[in-house]
Amino acid sequence: MTIKYIAEIEGTEYVIEIISESQVMINEKPHKIDFQALRQHTSFSLLMDGKSYETNIYQDNGDWEICLRGRRFHIQVEDERERSLRKAAGKTSVQKGKISLQAPMPGLVIDIPVSVGDEVKDGQVLLILESMKMQNELTAPRDGKVSRIHVNVNDNVDRKQTLLILD
């Protein structure tokens, strides 16, 4: 079973389905890809359908900023199941109380730059997860305090596995 993601770029939605590490479907059209981290894990090389692109990717409070060919794009990405649940529940506000930070995809824990008891700010990096040769910075959705860390560096985690708790 593959997971579909919905990416919104400049008001246009794209349905992205990851078939394998070398193939994706974008709006039901197949594309052959090769995606590699370059330097400092913000620069990446993307080879798509024989065309080469170098891009810089940054996570910004759960959304993404991508610089490609001299242009900066703000991108919102959700998997189709989470999007359906969010829309059905009418969720638009930031959670109050405890927040369980879960792995958005299976991967390897590369770094945990916070400790139990740390006060964190909205957007602060809580954990770095590597998946499909890409490092993803998981950030705090709001200000809070780290009350529990469920994983260690070098742990392999499953999608939706609880990584840490933020109060």
Foldseek 3Di string as FASTA:
>chain_A
DWWWKWKAWPNDIWIWTDPDLQWIAINNRIKGWHWAQDPPQQWIWIQINNDIWIKGWDDFLQWIWIQTPNDIITMHMDIPVVVVVCVVVVDDDDDPDKDFDWAQAWFFWADAPDDAFDWDARRQFGTWTDDSNHIDGDTHNGTFGWHFADDDHGDTDGGRHGGTMTD
